[in-house]
Amino acid sequence: MAVPNATKKKLFDGSIDLGNDTIRVLLLNDSTDYTFDPDNHEFVSDIVDGGTTATEFGDTNYSRKTLANQSTSQDNTDDEAVFDGDGITWTDLGGSETIQAVVVYKQVGGDDTTPGDDPVVNVLDDSDVADLPLATNGGDVSINWDAEGILNLA
């Protein structure tokens, strides 16, 4: 789990409402080896910056997806708050790129044309999503979140 420090503050001050905001998902391919930076990767544009930090997936039939059935809950057994939502599937994802990470973010402004104001919620890699890295070959690709959810705050 990789949560920007600015996101932690936004969760506390209410400027990110995980239960009600539009939460979207994008994929990073492995053409640039991505390393998360909690101090500087606050917005989508800080990560997908033209390929110097990371490169967004670009194969046929790929587009960013909106998370459905997002929810927040309290887990007294593990002493944490949990954010979760439905898994996401891309149908007939063409090409031969490899997915190295999944970026979950809040969409601001109703579309993705201004990534400089879309705050990153979480960046998940192979330690968070069991199927990563995942090579594509023209079939369906599904991202199924860990049983503990998309984001946990202990």
C-alpha atoms as a PDB file:
ATOM      1  CA  MET A   1       0.000   0.000   0.000  1.00  0.00           C
ATOM      2  CA  ALA A   2       1.379   3.367  -1.016  1.00  0.00           C
ATOM      3  CA  VAL A   3      -0.610   6.366   0.175  1.00  0.00           C
ATOM      4  CA  PRO A   4       0.724   9.879  -0.449  1.00  0.00           C
ATOM      5  CA  ASN A   5       1.225  11.942   2.703  1.00  0.00           C
ATOM      6  CA  ALA A   6      -0.996  14.671   1.233  1.00  0.00           C
ATOM      7  CA  THR A   7      -3.786  12.094   0.806  1.00  0.00           C
ATOM      8  CA  LYS A   8      -3.629  11.185   4.492  1.00  0.00           C
ATOM      9  CA  LYS A   9      -4.207  14.841   5.334  1.00  0.00           C
ATOM     10  CA  LYS A  10      -7.038  15.091   2.795  1.00  0.00           C
ATOM     11  CA  LEU A  11      -8.733  12.085   4.373  1.00  0.00           C
ATOM     12  CA  PHE A  12      -8.523  13.758   7.776  1.00  0.00           C
ATOM     13  CA  ASP A  13      -9.765  17.171   6.619  1.00  0.00           C
ATOM     14  CA  GLY A  14     -12.574  15.689   4.486  1.00  0.00           C
ATOM     15  CA  SER A  15     -11.415  16.896   1.076  1.00  0.00           C
ATOM     16  CA  ILE A  16     -11.390  13.239  -0.017  1.00  0.00           C
ATOM     17  CA  ASP A  17     -14.645  11.406   0.782  1.00  0.00           C
ATOM     18  CA  LEU A  18     -14.015   7.779  -0.163  1.00  0.00           C
ATOM     19  CA  GLY A  19     -17.666   6.831   0.218  1.00  0.00           C
ATOM     20  CA  ASN A  20     -19.067   9.529  -2.062  1.00  0.00           C
ATOM     21  CA  ASP A  21     -16.393  10.980  -4.373  1.00  0.00           C
ATOM     22  CA  THR A  22     -15.811   9.646  -7.884  1.00  0.00           C
ATOM     23  CA  ILE A  23     -12.939   7.210  -7.421  1.00  0.00           C
ATOM     24  CA  ARG A  24     -11.174   5.985 -10.570  1.00  0.00           C
ATOM     25  CA  VAL A  25      -8.511   3.434 -11.436  1.00  0.00           C
ATOM     26  CA  LEU A  26      -5.671   3.552 -13.956  1.00  0.00           C
ATOM     27  CA  LEU A  27      -2.947   1.056 -14.822  1.00  0.00           C
ATOM     28  CA  LEU A  28       0.803   1.611 -15.100  1.00  0.00           C
ATOM     29  CA  ASN A  29       2.783  -0.459 -17.563  1.00  0.00           C
ATOM     30  CA  ASP A  30       6.351  -1.601 -16.926  1.00  0.00           C
ATOM     31  CA  SER A  31       8.100   0.434 -19.653  1.00  0.00           C
ATOM     32  CA  THR A  32       9.394   2.734 -16.886  1.00  0.00           C
ATOM     33  CA  ASP A  33      10.282   1.169 -13.539  1.00  0.00           C
ATOM     34  CA  TYR A  34       8.017   3.028 -11.094  1.00  0.00           C
ATOM     35  CA  THR A  35       9.010   3.811  -7.501  1.00  0.00           C
ATOM     36  CA  PHE A  36       6.400   5.438  -5.268  1.00  0.00           C
ATOM     37  CA  ASP A  37       7.358   8.682  -3.494  1.00  0.00           C
ATOM     38  CA  PRO A  38       4.977   9.519  -0.594  1.00  0.00           C
ATOM     39  CA  ASP A  39       6.185  13.122  -0.411  1.00  0.00           C
ATOM     40  CA  ASN A  40       5.930  14.032  -4.103  1.00  0.00           C
ATOM     41  CA  HIS A  41       3.318  11.774  -5.747  1.00  0.00           C
ATOM     42  CA  GLU A  42       0.225  13.662  -4.607  1.00  0.00           C
ATOM     43  CA  PHE A  43      -1.618  13.934  -7.943  1.00  0.00           C
ATOM     44  CA  VAL A  44      -2.052  11.668 -10.979  1.00  0.00           C
ATOM     45  CA  SER A  45       0.111  14.077 -12.999  1.00  0.00           C
ATOM     46  CA  ASP A  46       2.973  13.524 -10.540  1.00  0.00           C
ATOM     47  CA  ILE A  47       3.007   9.825 -11.472  1.00  0.00           C
ATOM     48  CA  VAL A  48       1.922   9.781 -15.124  1.00  0.00           C
ATOM     49  CA  ASP A  49       4.130  12.665 -16.185  1.00  0.00           C
ATOM     50  CA  GLY A  50       4.968  11.809 -19.772  1.00  0.00           C
ATOM     51  CA  GLY A  51       6.930   8.682 -18.985  1.00  0.00           C
ATOM     52  CA  THR A  52       9.751   9.941 -16.741  1.00  0.00           C
ATOM     53  CA  THR A  53       8.170   8.698 -13.492  1.00  0.00           C
ATOM     54  CA  ALA A  54       5.726   6.098 -14.859  1.00  0.00           C
ATOM     55  CA  THR A  55       3.869   5.297 -18.053  1.00  0.00           C
ATOM     56  CA  GLU A  56       0.139   4.713 -18.192  1.00  0.00           C
ATOM     57  CA  PHE A  57      -1.032   1.553 -19.873  1.00  0.00           C
ATOM     58  CA  GLY A  58      -1.817   2.156 -23.541  1.00  0.00           C
ATOM     59  CA  ASP A  59      -2.867  -1.056 -25.259  1.00  0.00           C
ATOM     60  CA  THR A  60      -6.058  -1.542 -27.280  1.00  0.00           C
ATOM     61  CA  ASN A  61      -9.374  -1.305 -25.376  1.00  0.00           C
ATOM     62  CA  TYR A  62      -7.757   0.291 -22.317  1.00  0.00           C
ATOM     63  CA  SER A  63      -9.377   3.234 -20.583  1.00  0.00           C
ATOM     64  CA  ARG A  64      -9.501   4.386 -17.005  1.00  0.00           C
ATOM     65  CA  LYS A  65     -12.358   2.887 -14.991  1.00  0.00           C
ATOM     66  CA  THR A  66     -14.657   4.236 -12.292  1.00  0.00           C
ATOM     67  CA  LEU A  67     -14.829   2.199  -9.101  1.00  0.00           C
ATOM     68  CA  ALA A  68     -18.303   0.812  -8.377  1.00  0.00           C
ATOM     69  CA  ASN A  69     -19.924   0.064  -5.020  1.00  0.00           C
ATOM     70  CA  GLN A  70     -17.299   1.871  -3.002  1.00  0.00           C
ATOM     71  CA  SER A  71     -17.699   1.575   0.738  1.00  0.00           C
ATOM     72  CA  THR A  72     -16.008   2.369   4.008  1.00  0.00           C
ATOM     73  CA  SER A  73     -16.219   0.230   7.124  1.00  0.00           C
ATOM     74  CA  GLN A  74     -14.794  -0.261  10.574  1.00  0.00           C
ATOM     75  CA  ASP A  75     -12.869  -3.472  11.280  1.00  0.00           C
ATOM     76  CA  ASN A  76     -12.628  -3.952  15.046  1.00  0.00           C
ATOM     77  CA  THR A  77     -10.814  -7.292  14.687  1.00  0.00           C
ATOM     78  CA  ASP A  78      -7.845  -5.679  12.912  1.00  0.00           C
ATOM     79  CA  ASP A  79      -8.341  -2.224  14.517  1.00  0.00           C
ATOM     80  CA  GLU A  80      -8.593  -0.377  11.230  1.00  0.00           C
ATOM     81  CA  ALA A  81     -10.833   1.506   8.852  1.00  0.00           C
ATOM     82  CA  VAL A  82     -11.317  -0.112   5.423  1.00  0.00           C
ATOM     83  CA  PHE A  83     -12.080   1.358   1.999  1.00  0.00           C
ATOM     84  CA  ASP A  84     -13.248  -1.140  -0.622  1.00  0.00           C
ATOM     85  CA  GLY A  85     -15.117  -1.446  -3.907  1.00  0.00           C
ATOM     86  CA  ASP A  86     -15.848  -3.893  -6.675  1.00  0.00           C
ATOM     87  CA  GLY A  87     -13.027  -5.449  -8.661  1.00  0.00           C
ATOM     88  CA  ILE A  88     -12.466  -4.029 -12.145  1.00  0.00           C
ATOM     89  CA  THR A  89     -12.294  -5.818 -15.502  1.00  0.00           C
ATOM     90  CA  TRP A  90     -10.934  -4.594 -18.822  1.00  0.00           C
ATOM     91  CA  THR A  91     -12.411  -6.610 -21.707  1.00  0.00           C
ATOM     92  CA  ASP A  92     -10.240  -7.740 -24.636  1.00  0.00           C
ATOM     93  CA  LEU A  93      -7.225  -5.751 -23.467  1.00  0.00           C
ATOM     94  CA  GLY A  94      -5.008  -5.964 -26.525  1.00  0.00           C
ATOM     95  CA  GLY A  95      -1.299  -5.681 -27.057  1.00  0.00           C
ATOM     96  CA  SER A  96       1.524  -7.079 -25.019  1.00  0.00           C
ATOM     97  CA  GLU A  97       2.194  -4.619 -22.209  1.00  0.00           C
ATOM     98  CA  THR A  98       2.766  -5.730 -18.626  1.00  0.00           C
ATOM     99  CA  ILE A  99       0.843  -4.090 -15.767  1.00  0.00           C
ATOM    100  CA  GLN A 100       3.209  -3.199 -12.932  1.00  0.00           C
ATOM    101  CA  ALA A 101       0.897  -1.139 -10.694  1.00  0.00           C
ATOM    102  CA  VAL A 102      -2.649   0.128 -10.184  1.00  0.00           C
ATOM    103  CA  VAL A 103      -3.329   3.758  -9.261  1.00  0.00           C
ATOM    104  CA  VAL A 104      -6.547   4.592  -7.402  1.00  0.00           C
ATOM    105  CA  TYR A 105      -7.424   8.290  -7.439  1.00  0.00           C
ATOM    106  CA  LYS A 106     -10.189  10.829  -6.867  1.00  0.00           C
ATOM    107  CA  GLN A 107     -11.435  12.385 -10.097  1.00  0.00           C
ATOM    108  CA  VAL A 108     -11.919  16.140  -9.799  1.00  0.00           C
ATOM    109  CA  GLY A 109     -13.901  18.184 -12.299  1.00  0.00           C
ATOM    110  CA  GLY A 110     -15.944  15.444 -13.934  1.00  0.00           C
ATOM    111  CA  ASP A 111     -13.289  14.118 -16.329  1.00  0.00           C
ATOM    112  CA  ASP A 112      -9.608  13.165 -16.558  1.00  0.00           C
ATOM    113  CA  THR A 113      -8.403  16.141 -18.611  1.00  0.00           C
ATOM    114  CA  THR A 114      -6.843  17.862 -15.579  1.00  0.00           C
ATOM    115  CA  PRO A 115      -4.731  15.199 -13.844  1.00  0.00           C
ATOM    116  CA  GLY A 116      -2.926  17.916 -11.908  1.00  0.00           C
ATOM    117  CA  ASP A 117      -5.913  18.239  -9.574  1.00  0.00           C
ATOM    118  CA  ASP A 118      -6.796  14.500  -9.295  1.00  0.00           C
ATOM    119  CA  PRO A 119      -5.351  13.352  -5.948  1.00  0.00           C
ATOM    120  CA  VAL A 120      -3.893   9.856  -5.691  1.00  0.00           C
ATOM    121  CA  VAL A 121      -5.655   7.710  -3.082  1.00  0.00           C
ATOM    122  CA  ASN A 122      -3.433   4.623  -3.246  1.00  0.00           C
ATOM    123  CA  VAL A 123      -0.868   2.949  -5.494  1.00  0.00           C
ATOM    124  CA  LEU A 124      -0.981  -0.844  -5.441  1.00  0.00           C
ATOM    125  CA  ASP A 125       1.701  -3.173  -6.752  1.00  0.00           C
ATOM    126  CA  ASP A 126       2.446  -6.888  -6.564  1.00  0.00           C
ATOM    127  CA  SER A 127       2.483  -6.781  -2.748  1.00  0.00           C
ATOM    128  CA  ASP A 128      -1.148  -5.565  -2.785  1.00  0.00           C
ATOM    129  CA  VAL A 129      -2.683  -7.208  -5.875  1.00  0.00           C
ATOM    130  CA  ALA A 130      -1.921 -10.909  -6.238  1.00  0.00           C
ATOM    131  CA  ASP A 131      -1.920 -11.025 -10.057  1.00  0.00           C
ATOM    132  CA  LEU A 132       0.719  -8.294 -10.609  1.00  0.00           C
ATOM    133  CA  PRO A 133       2.877  -7.976 -12.605  1.00  0.00           C
ATOM    134  CA  LEU A 134       0.428  -9.128 -15.247  1.00  0.00           C
ATOM    135  CA  ALA A 135       1.169  -9.484 -18.956  1.00  0.00           C
ATOM    136  CA  THR A 136      -1.694  -8.813 -21.351  1.00  0.00           C
ATOM    137  CA  ASN A 137      -2.352 -10.831 -24.489  1.00  0.00           C
ATOM    138  CA  GLY A 138      -5.698  -9.694 -25.863  1.00  0.00           C
ATOM    139  CA  GLY A 139      -7.901 -11.273 -23.223  1.00  0.00           C
ATOM    140  CA  ASP A 140      -9.834  -9.897 -20.287  1.00  0.00           C
ATOM    141  CA  VAL A 141      -7.841  -8.473 -17.380  1.00  0.00           C
ATOM    142  CA  SER A 142      -9.378  -8.307 -13.918  1.00  0.00           C
ATOM    143  CA  ILE A 143      -8.036  -6.536 -10.874  1.00  0.00           C
ATOM    144  CA  ASN A 144      -9.423  -8.109  -7.720  1.00  0.00           C
ATOM    145  CA  TRP A 145      -8.648  -6.219  -4.549  1.00  0.00           C
ATOM    146  CA  ASP A 146      -7.066  -7.872  -1.542  1.00  0.00           C
ATOM    147  CA  ALA A 147      -9.539  -9.328   0.973  1.00  0.00           C
ATOM    148  CA  GLU A 148      -8.538  -6.486   3.307  1.00  0.00           C
ATOM    149  CA  GLY A 149      -9.825  -3.894   0.792  1.00  0.00           C
ATOM    150  CA  ILE A 150      -8.260  -1.195  -1.344  1.00  0.00           C
ATOM    151  CA  LEU A 151      -7.038   0.968   1.530  1.00  0.00           C
ATOM    152  CA  ASN A 152      -6.704   0.395   5.253  1.00  0.00           C
ATOM    153  CA  LEU A 153      -6.060   2.970   7.931  1.00  0.00           C
ATOM    154  CA  ALA A 154      -4.793   1.448  11.169  1.00  0.00           C
END
